[in-house]
Amino acid sequence: MNRTKNWYVICTRPRWELKIYKALVEQGIEAYCPTYTSVRQWSDRKKKISKPYFNSYVFVRLEEAERERVFAIPGVVRYVFWQGKAAKVQESEIQLLKEYLDGEALEDSRIEQLAVGEEVRFTRGALKDRTALVEKIGSHKVRLVLPVLGYRITARMADLVP
């Protein structure tokens, strides 16, 4: 019998990602829900909150025969399917996500070194050594255009060099 564990993507109810992630871990299911910290401003205070990078998605690692276990957790809607089967995510892709999204804290950056229209190169992560054009500069992030791939992305300053 095949006892190989694969990574799958489950869809969740909106804004239930972190609750479901916690419940999966409590059930002994290996799960991954990458998050970032956002500061929310209310009229009387500011608060740091964790938000998922992927809205309504959580990654789980299970054997094929165990896949139904996730439906015991309230808020799990379904698996993501590709060509009629539950979509499997390669271990290498999960590792790239972990490397890039859960990487080191932001390094000191000098925003004034970058200018709109300037070409930059990624120094690490899944896009290492690719070049992009600066479209917009924020306080810790930069919106980039990758002309070769035809994508527009947002990157952390620490991952780029001019």
N, C-alpha and C. Protein backbone atom coordinates (compact mmCIF):
# COMPACT_ATOMS: atom_id res chain seq x y z
N MET A 1 0.84 -1.19 0.00
CA MET A 1 0.00 0.00 0.00
C MET A 1 0.88 1.25 0.00
N ASN A 2 0.51 2.25 -0.77
CA ASN A 2 1.27 3.48 -0.90
C ASN A 2 1.05 4.35 0.33
N ARG A 3 2.11 4.61 1.10
CA ARG A 3 2.03 5.41 2.33
C ARG A 3 2.68 6.78 2.13
N THR A 4 2.77 7.25 0.89
CA THR A 4 3.38 8.52 0.59
C THR A 4 2.45 9.66 0.97
N LYS A 5 3.02 10.65 1.66
CA LYS A 5 2.24 11.84 1.99
C LYS A 5 2.47 12.89 0.91
N ASN A 6 1.40 13.53 0.49
CA ASN A 6 1.46 14.59 -0.52
C ASN A 6 0.86 15.86 0.06
N TRP A 7 1.28 16.99 -0.50
CA TRP A 7 0.70 18.27 -0.14
C TRP A 7 -0.52 18.52 -1.02
N TYR A 8 -1.62 18.94 -0.39
CA TYR A 8 -2.85 19.29 -1.08
C TYR A 8 -3.26 20.70 -0.65
N VAL A 9 -4.17 21.30 -1.39
CA VAL A 9 -4.68 22.61 -1.04
C VAL A 9 -6.16 22.46 -0.72
N ILE A 10 -6.54 22.95 0.47
CA ILE A 10 -7.96 22.93 0.81
C ILE A 10 -8.50 24.35 0.77
N CYS A 11 -9.76 24.46 0.37
CA CYS A 11 -10.46 25.74 0.38
C CYS A 11 -11.19 25.86 1.71
N THR A 12 -11.19 27.06 2.25
CA THR A 12 -11.83 27.29 3.54
C THR A 12 -12.91 28.35 3.41
N ARG A 13 -13.71 28.46 4.43
CA ARG A 13 -14.64 29.59 4.48
C ARG A 13 -13.82 30.87 4.54
N PRO A 14 -14.37 31.97 4.03
CA PRO A 14 -13.61 33.24 4.08
C PRO A 14 -13.22 33.61 5.51
N ARG A 15 -11.98 34.02 5.69
CA ARG A 15 -11.41 34.46 6.96
C ARG A 15 -11.39 33.38 8.04
N TRP A 16 -11.39 32.10 7.64
CA TRP A 16 -11.29 30.99 8.58
C TRP A 16 -9.95 30.28 8.48
N GLU A 17 -9.05 30.78 7.66
CA GLU A 17 -7.80 30.09 7.38
C GLU A 17 -7.01 29.75 8.65
N LEU A 18 -6.83 30.73 9.52
CA LEU A 18 -6.01 30.52 10.71
C LEU A 18 -6.69 29.61 11.73
N LYS A 19 -8.02 29.71 11.85
CA LYS A 19 -8.76 28.81 12.75
C LYS A 19 -8.61 27.37 12.26
N ILE A 20 -8.75 27.18 10.96
CA ILE A 20 -8.66 25.84 10.40
C ILE A 20 -7.24 25.31 10.52
N TYR A 21 -6.25 26.17 10.26
CA TYR A 21 -4.85 25.76 10.41
C TYR A 21 -4.61 25.24 11.83
N LYS A 22 -5.05 26.00 12.83
CA LYS A 22 -4.86 25.60 14.23
C LYS A 22 -5.57 24.27 14.52
N ALA A 23 -6.79 24.11 14.02
CA ALA A 23 -7.54 22.87 14.25
C ALA A 23 -6.86 21.68 13.56
N LEU A 24 -6.31 21.90 12.36
CA LEU A 24 -5.60 20.82 11.66
C LEU A 24 -4.39 20.36 12.47
N VAL A 25 -3.62 21.30 12.97
CA VAL A 25 -2.44 20.97 13.76
C VAL A 25 -2.85 20.23 15.04
N GLU A 26 -3.93 20.68 15.68
CA GLU A 26 -4.41 20.00 16.89
C GLU A 26 -4.86 18.57 16.59
N GLN A 27 -5.33 18.31 15.38
CA GLN A 27 -5.75 16.97 14.95
C GLN A 27 -4.56 16.11 14.51
N GLY A 28 -3.35 16.69 14.53
CA GLY A 28 -2.16 15.94 14.14
C GLY A 28 -1.93 15.91 12.64
N ILE A 29 -2.57 16.81 11.92
CA ILE A 29 -2.41 16.89 10.47
C ILE A 29 -1.38 17.96 10.15
N GLU A 30 -0.38 17.61 9.36
CA GLU A 30 0.63 18.59 8.97
C GLU A 30 -0.02 19.61 8.05
N ALA A 31 0.12 20.88 8.39
CA ALA A 31 -0.52 21.95 7.62
C ALA A 31 0.43 23.12 7.49
N TYR A 32 0.14 23.97 6.50
CA TYR A 32 0.95 25.17 6.27
C TYR A 32 0.02 26.29 5.82
N CYS A 33 0.07 27.39 6.56
CA CYS A 33 -0.72 28.57 6.23
C CYS A 33 0.19 29.78 6.41
N PRO A 34 0.88 30.20 5.34
CA PRO A 34 1.80 31.32 5.48
C PRO A 34 1.07 32.62 5.81
N THR A 35 1.64 33.38 6.74
CA THR A 35 1.00 34.61 7.18
C THR A 35 1.98 35.78 7.17
N TYR A 36 1.43 36.96 7.23
CA TYR A 36 2.21 38.17 7.39
C TYR A 36 1.54 39.02 8.45
N THR A 37 2.28 39.96 9.02
CA THR A 37 1.76 40.82 10.08
C THR A 37 1.32 42.14 9.49
N SER A 38 0.12 42.53 9.85
CA SER A 38 -0.45 43.79 9.38
C SER A 38 -0.84 44.62 10.60
N VAL A 39 -0.63 45.92 10.53
CA VAL A 39 -1.02 46.81 11.63
C VAL A 39 -2.38 47.41 11.28
N ARG A 40 -3.33 47.20 12.17
CA ARG A 40 -4.68 47.74 11.98
C ARG A 40 -4.88 48.92 12.92
N GLN A 41 -5.49 49.97 12.39
CA GLN A 41 -5.72 51.19 13.16
C GLN A 41 -7.21 51.30 13.49
N TRP A 42 -7.51 51.39 14.78
CA TRP A 42 -8.84 51.70 15.22
C TRP A 42 -8.82 53.11 15.79
N SER A 43 -9.96 53.64 16.14
CA SER A 43 -10.00 55.01 16.64
C SER A 43 -9.22 55.17 17.95
N ASP A 44 -9.14 54.10 18.75
CA ASP A 44 -8.48 54.22 20.06
C ASP A 44 -7.16 53.48 20.17
N ARG A 45 -6.78 52.66 19.16
CA ARG A 45 -5.54 51.88 19.29
C ARG A 45 -5.08 51.33 17.95
N LYS A 46 -3.85 50.85 17.97
CA LYS A 46 -3.30 50.11 16.84
C LYS A 46 -3.04 48.69 17.31
N LYS A 47 -3.19 47.73 16.40
CA LYS A 47 -2.96 46.34 16.77
C LYS A 47 -2.32 45.60 15.61
N LYS A 48 -1.34 44.75 15.93
CA LYS A 48 -0.72 43.91 14.92
C LYS A 48 -1.53 42.62 14.83
N ILE A 49 -1.89 42.25 13.60
CA ILE A 49 -2.64 41.01 13.40
C ILE A 49 -1.96 40.18 12.31
N SER A 50 -2.10 38.86 12.42
CA SER A 50 -1.59 37.96 11.40
C SER A 50 -2.67 37.74 10.36
N LYS A 51 -2.27 37.83 9.09
CA LYS A 51 -3.20 37.61 8.00
C LYS A 51 -2.58 36.60 7.04
N PRO A 52 -3.39 35.72 6.46
CA PRO A 52 -2.84 34.73 5.52
C PRO A 52 -2.48 35.37 4.18
N TYR A 53 -1.41 34.87 3.56
CA TYR A 53 -1.04 35.33 2.22
C TYR A 53 -2.07 34.86 1.20
N PHE A 54 -2.63 33.67 1.40
CA PHE A 54 -3.57 33.10 0.44
C PHE A 54 -4.95 33.04 1.08
N ASN A 55 -5.83 33.95 0.67
CA ASN A 55 -7.18 33.97 1.23
C ASN A 55 -7.94 32.71 0.85
N SER A 56 -8.56 32.09 1.86
CA SER A 56 -9.40 30.90 1.71
C SER A 56 -8.65 29.63 1.30
N TYR A 57 -7.33 29.59 1.50
CA TYR A 57 -6.56 28.38 1.18
C TYR A 57 -5.62 28.02 2.33
N VAL A 58 -5.50 26.70 2.58
CA VAL A 58 -4.54 26.16 3.53
C VAL A 58 -3.94 24.92 2.88
N PHE A 59 -2.64 24.72 3.04
CA PHE A 59 -1.96 23.55 2.51
C PHE A 59 -1.95 22.46 3.59
N VAL A 60 -2.22 21.22 3.19
CA VAL A 60 -2.17 20.08 4.11
C VAL A 60 -1.35 18.97 3.50
N ARG A 61 -0.67 18.21 4.36
CA ARG A 61 0.16 17.09 3.90
C ARG A 61 -0.41 15.80 4.49
N LEU A 62 -0.95 14.96 3.61
CA LEU A 62 -1.63 13.74 4.02
C LEU A 62 -1.36 12.61 3.04
N GLU A 63 -1.63 11.39 3.50
CA GLU A 63 -1.67 10.26 2.58
C GLU A 63 -2.99 10.34 1.81
N GLU A 64 -3.03 9.80 0.63
CA GLU A 64 -4.24 9.81 -0.20
C GLU A 64 -5.44 9.26 0.57
N ALA A 65 -5.25 8.18 1.31
CA ALA A 65 -6.34 7.53 2.03
C ALA A 65 -6.86 8.37 3.21
N GLU A 66 -6.08 9.33 3.67
CA GLU A 66 -6.46 10.16 4.82
C GLU A 66 -7.16 11.46 4.43
N ARG A 67 -7.30 11.72 3.17
CA ARG A 67 -7.77 13.03 2.73
C ARG A 67 -9.10 13.46 3.32
N GLU A 68 -9.97 12.55 3.63
CA GLU A 68 -11.30 12.91 4.16
C GLU A 68 -11.25 13.44 5.58
N ARG A 69 -10.13 13.22 6.29
CA ARG A 69 -10.01 13.69 7.68
C ARG A 69 -10.24 15.19 7.83
N VAL A 70 -9.86 15.96 6.83
CA VAL A 70 -9.96 17.42 6.96
C VAL A 70 -11.41 17.90 7.05
N PHE A 71 -12.34 17.12 6.53
CA PHE A 71 -13.74 17.55 6.54
C PHE A 71 -14.40 17.45 7.91
N ALA A 72 -13.70 16.86 8.89
CA ALA A 72 -14.20 16.83 10.27
C ALA A 72 -14.02 18.20 10.93
N ILE A 73 -13.27 19.07 10.30
CA ILE A 73 -13.01 20.39 10.86
C ILE A 73 -13.99 21.40 10.26
N PRO A 74 -14.77 22.08 11.10
CA PRO A 74 -15.72 23.07 10.59
C PRO A 74 -15.00 24.17 9.81
N GLY A 75 -15.56 24.57 8.69
CA GLY A 75 -14.99 25.63 7.88
C GLY A 75 -14.23 25.15 6.66
N VAL A 76 -13.88 23.85 6.61
CA VAL A 76 -13.23 23.30 5.43
C VAL A 76 -14.31 23.09 4.38
N VAL A 77 -14.10 23.63 3.19
CA VAL A 77 -15.12 23.56 2.14
C VAL A 77 -14.85 22.41 1.18
N ARG A 78 -13.65 22.37 0.60
CA ARG A 78 -13.33 21.33 -0.38
C ARG A 78 -11.85 21.38 -0.68
N TYR A 79 -11.40 20.42 -1.46
CA TYR A 79 -10.03 20.44 -1.99
C TYR A 79 -10.01 21.21 -3.31
N VAL A 80 -8.86 21.75 -3.66
CA VAL A 80 -8.67 22.35 -4.98
C VAL A 80 -8.42 21.18 -5.93
N PHE A 81 -9.11 21.17 -7.05
CA PHE A 81 -8.96 20.08 -8.02
C PHE A 81 -8.28 20.58 -9.29
N TRP A 82 -7.53 19.69 -9.93
CA TRP A 82 -6.86 19.96 -11.19
C TRP A 82 -7.03 18.72 -12.06
N GLN A 83 -7.64 18.88 -13.20
CA GLN A 83 -7.90 17.81 -14.16
C GLN A 83 -8.62 16.62 -13.51
N GLY A 84 -9.63 16.94 -12.70
CA GLY A 84 -10.48 15.92 -12.11
C GLY A 84 -9.95 15.24 -10.87
N LYS A 85 -8.77 15.61 -10.40
CA LYS A 85 -8.18 15.00 -9.21
C LYS A 85 -7.78 16.11 -8.24
N ALA A 86 -7.71 15.74 -6.95
CA ALA A 86 -7.24 16.71 -5.96
C ALA A 86 -5.83 17.15 -6.35
N ALA A 87 -5.64 18.45 -6.45
CA ALA A 87 -4.35 18.99 -6.89
C ALA A 87 -3.27 18.71 -5.85
N LYS A 88 -2.16 18.14 -6.32
CA LYS A 88 -1.00 17.89 -5.46
C LYS A 88 0.02 18.99 -5.69
N VAL A 89 0.59 19.46 -4.59
CA VAL A 89 1.62 20.49 -4.66
C VAL A 89 2.95 19.80 -4.36
N GLN A 90 3.94 20.04 -5.18
CA GLN A 90 5.25 19.42 -4.99
C GLN A 90 5.90 19.92 -3.71
N GLU A 91 6.62 19.04 -3.05
CA GLU A 91 7.37 19.40 -1.83
C GLU A 91 8.31 20.58 -2.10
N SER A 92 8.94 20.58 -3.28
CA SER A 92 9.87 21.66 -3.62
C SER A 92 9.16 23.00 -3.71
N GLU A 93 7.90 23.02 -4.18
CA GLU A 93 7.14 24.26 -4.26
C GLU A 93 6.78 24.77 -2.87
N ILE A 94 6.42 23.86 -1.97
CA ILE A 94 6.12 24.26 -0.58
C ILE A 94 7.38 24.82 0.06
N GLN A 95 8.52 24.19 -0.18
CA GLN A 95 9.78 24.68 0.38
C GLN A 95 10.12 26.07 -0.16
N LEU A 96 9.88 26.31 -1.45
CA LEU A 96 10.11 27.64 -2.02
C LEU A 96 9.22 28.67 -1.37
N LEU A 97 7.95 28.32 -1.17
CA LEU A 97 7.02 29.23 -0.49
C LEU A 97 7.52 29.54 0.92
N LYS A 98 7.92 28.50 1.64
CA LYS A 98 8.39 28.71 3.01
C LYS A 98 9.63 29.59 3.03
N GLU A 99 10.56 29.33 2.11
CA GLU A 99 11.78 30.14 2.02
C GLU A 99 11.46 31.60 1.75
N TYR A 100 10.59 31.83 0.79
CA TYR A 100 10.31 33.19 0.36
C TYR A 100 9.39 33.93 1.32
N LEU A 101 8.28 33.29 1.72
CA LEU A 101 7.29 33.97 2.54
C LEU A 101 7.63 34.00 4.03
N ASP A 102 8.32 32.97 4.52
CA ASP A 102 8.65 32.92 5.94
C ASP A 102 10.11 33.26 6.18
N GLY A 103 10.75 33.91 5.21
CA GLY A 103 12.17 34.22 5.28
C GLY A 103 12.50 35.16 6.42
N GLU A 104 13.74 35.60 6.41
CA GLU A 104 14.21 36.47 7.47
C GLU A 104 13.39 37.75 7.53
N ALA A 105 13.52 38.44 8.66
CA ALA A 105 12.83 39.72 8.83
C ALA A 105 13.38 40.72 7.82
N LEU A 106 12.62 41.76 7.60
CA LEU A 106 13.06 42.77 6.64
C LEU A 106 14.40 43.34 7.05
N GLU A 107 15.26 43.46 6.10
CA GLU A 107 16.56 44.05 6.35
C GLU A 107 16.43 45.56 6.22
N ASP A 108 17.39 46.27 6.80
CA ASP A 108 17.40 47.72 6.63
C ASP A 108 17.52 48.03 5.15
N SER A 109 16.66 48.88 4.67
CA SER A 109 16.65 49.23 3.26
C SER A 109 16.62 50.73 3.13
N ARG A 110 17.20 51.21 2.09
CA ARG A 110 17.16 52.64 1.80
C ARG A 110 16.29 52.81 0.57
N ILE A 111 15.08 53.22 0.82
CA ILE A 111 14.11 53.34 -0.26
C ILE A 111 14.58 54.35 -1.30
N GLU A 112 15.29 55.38 -0.87
CA GLU A 112 15.73 56.39 -1.81
C GLU A 112 16.69 55.85 -2.87
N GLN A 113 17.24 54.64 -2.66
CA GLN A 113 18.14 54.06 -3.64
C GLN A 113 17.38 53.56 -4.87
N LEU A 114 16.11 53.28 -4.72
CA LEU A 114 15.31 52.80 -5.84
C LEU A 114 14.52 53.94 -6.45
N ALA A 115 14.28 53.84 -7.73
CA ALA A 115 13.49 54.84 -8.42
C ALA A 115 12.51 54.14 -9.35
N VAL A 116 11.34 54.72 -9.53
CA VAL A 116 10.35 54.17 -10.45
C VAL A 116 10.98 54.08 -11.84
N GLY A 117 10.80 52.93 -12.50
CA GLY A 117 11.38 52.71 -13.82
C GLY A 117 12.73 52.03 -13.79
N GLU A 118 13.34 51.93 -12.60
CA GLU A 118 14.65 51.30 -12.46
C GLU A 118 14.53 49.78 -12.55
N GLU A 119 15.56 49.14 -13.06
CA GLU A 119 15.59 47.68 -13.13
C GLU A 119 16.26 47.15 -11.87
N VAL A 120 15.65 46.11 -11.27
CA VAL A 120 16.19 45.47 -10.07
C VAL A 120 16.30 43.97 -10.30
N ARG A 121 17.08 43.31 -9.44
CA ARG A 121 17.28 41.86 -9.54
C ARG A 121 16.97 41.24 -8.18
N PHE A 122 16.24 40.11 -8.16
CA PHE A 122 15.96 39.38 -6.94
C PHE A 122 17.23 38.70 -6.47
N THR A 123 17.48 38.73 -5.15
CA THR A 123 18.69 38.13 -4.60
C THR A 123 18.45 36.77 -3.97
N ARG A 124 17.18 36.40 -3.74
CA ARG A 124 16.87 35.09 -3.15
C ARG A 124 15.43 34.73 -3.45
N GLY A 125 15.06 33.51 -3.05
CA GLY A 125 13.70 33.04 -3.22
C GLY A 125 13.44 32.45 -4.58
N ALA A 126 12.17 32.24 -4.88
CA ALA A 126 11.76 31.58 -6.12
C ALA A 126 12.13 32.37 -7.36
N LEU A 127 12.26 33.68 -7.23
CA LEU A 127 12.58 34.53 -8.38
C LEU A 127 14.05 34.96 -8.40
N LYS A 128 14.89 34.26 -7.65
CA LYS A 128 16.31 34.62 -7.56
C LYS A 128 16.91 34.81 -8.95
N ASP A 129 17.66 35.89 -9.10
CA ASP A 129 18.39 36.26 -10.32
C ASP A 129 17.50 36.73 -11.47
N ARG A 130 16.21 36.85 -11.26
CA ARG A 130 15.33 37.44 -12.29
C ARG A 130 15.33 38.95 -12.13
N THR A 131 15.13 39.64 -13.23
CA THR A 131 15.07 41.09 -13.18
C THR A 131 13.64 41.57 -13.34
N ALA A 132 13.39 42.77 -12.82
CA ALA A 132 12.06 43.37 -12.89
C ALA A 132 12.21 44.88 -12.93
N LEU A 133 11.14 45.55 -13.33
CA LEU A 133 11.11 47.01 -13.36
C LEU A 133 10.28 47.53 -12.19
N VAL A 134 10.78 48.56 -11.49
CA VAL A 134 10.08 49.15 -10.36
C VAL A 134 8.91 49.97 -10.89
N GLU A 135 7.70 49.63 -10.41
CA GLU A 135 6.51 50.37 -10.82
C GLU A 135 6.05 51.35 -9.74
N LYS A 136 6.14 50.92 -8.45
CA LYS A 136 5.69 51.75 -7.34
C LYS A 136 6.52 51.39 -6.12
N ILE A 137 6.84 52.37 -5.29
CA ILE A 137 7.65 52.15 -4.10
C ILE A 137 6.82 52.46 -2.87
N GLY A 138 6.76 51.47 -1.93
CA GLY A 138 6.09 51.65 -0.65
C GLY A 138 7.11 51.75 0.46
N SER A 139 6.67 51.71 1.71
CA SER A 139 7.60 51.85 2.82
C SER A 139 8.48 50.62 3.02
N HIS A 140 7.94 49.41 2.80
CA HIS A 140 8.72 48.19 2.96
C HIS A 140 8.63 47.27 1.74
N LYS A 141 7.77 47.62 0.81
CA LYS A 141 7.55 46.77 -0.34
C LYS A 141 7.61 47.59 -1.63
N VAL A 142 7.83 46.88 -2.70
CA VAL A 142 7.93 47.51 -4.01
C VAL A 142 7.03 46.74 -4.98
N ARG A 143 6.25 47.45 -5.80
CA ARG A 143 5.48 46.78 -6.84
C ARG A 143 6.37 46.73 -8.08
N LEU A 144 6.49 45.52 -8.63
CA LEU A 144 7.39 45.27 -9.76
C LEU A 144 6.64 44.70 -10.94
N VAL A 145 7.18 44.93 -12.11
CA VAL A 145 6.67 44.33 -13.34
C VAL A 145 7.76 43.41 -13.85
N LEU A 146 7.39 42.13 -14.07
CA LEU A 146 8.32 41.16 -14.64
C LEU A 146 7.94 40.98 -16.10
N PRO A 147 8.57 41.75 -17.00
CA PRO A 147 8.16 41.73 -18.41
C PRO A 147 8.31 40.35 -19.07
N VAL A 148 9.34 39.60 -18.71
CA VAL A 148 9.57 38.29 -19.33
C VAL A 148 8.44 37.33 -18.98
N LEU A 149 7.96 37.39 -17.74
CA LEU A 149 6.90 36.48 -17.31
C LEU A 149 5.51 37.07 -17.53
N GLY A 150 5.43 38.37 -17.74
CA GLY A 150 4.13 39.01 -17.93
C GLY A 150 3.35 39.16 -16.64
N TYR A 151 4.04 39.35 -15.51
CA TYR A 151 3.38 39.46 -14.21
C TYR A 151 3.73 40.77 -13.54
N ARG A 152 2.84 41.18 -12.64
CA ARG A 152 3.07 42.32 -11.75
C ARG A 152 3.02 41.73 -10.34
N ILE A 153 4.05 41.98 -9.53
CA ILE A 153 4.10 41.42 -8.18
C ILE A 153 4.52 42.48 -7.19
N THR A 154 4.33 42.17 -5.91
CA THR A 154 4.81 43.02 -4.83
C THR A 154 5.91 42.24 -4.11
N ALA A 155 7.05 42.87 -3.88
CA ALA A 155 8.20 42.20 -3.24
C ALA A 155 8.67 42.99 -2.05
N ARG A 156 9.29 42.28 -1.10
CA ARG A 156 9.90 42.93 0.05
C ARG A 156 11.21 43.56 -0.40
N MET A 157 11.55 44.68 0.18
CA MET A 157 12.78 45.39 -0.18
C MET A 157 14.01 44.52 0.02
N ALA A 158 14.02 43.67 1.05
CA ALA A 158 15.20 42.87 1.37
C ALA A 158 15.53 41.85 0.28
N ASP A 159 14.59 41.55 -0.59
CA ASP A 159 14.80 40.53 -1.62
C ASP A 159 15.34 41.09 -2.92
N LEU A 160 15.64 42.39 -2.97
CA LEU A 160 16.03 43.05 -4.22
C LEU A 160 17.36 43.76 -4.09
N VAL A 161 18.01 43.90 -5.22
CA VAL A 161 19.17 44.80 -5.30
C VAL A 161 19.01 45.63 -6.55
N PRO A 162 19.39 46.93 -6.49
CA PRO A 162 19.27 47.77 -7.67
C PRO A 162 20.32 47.38 -8.72
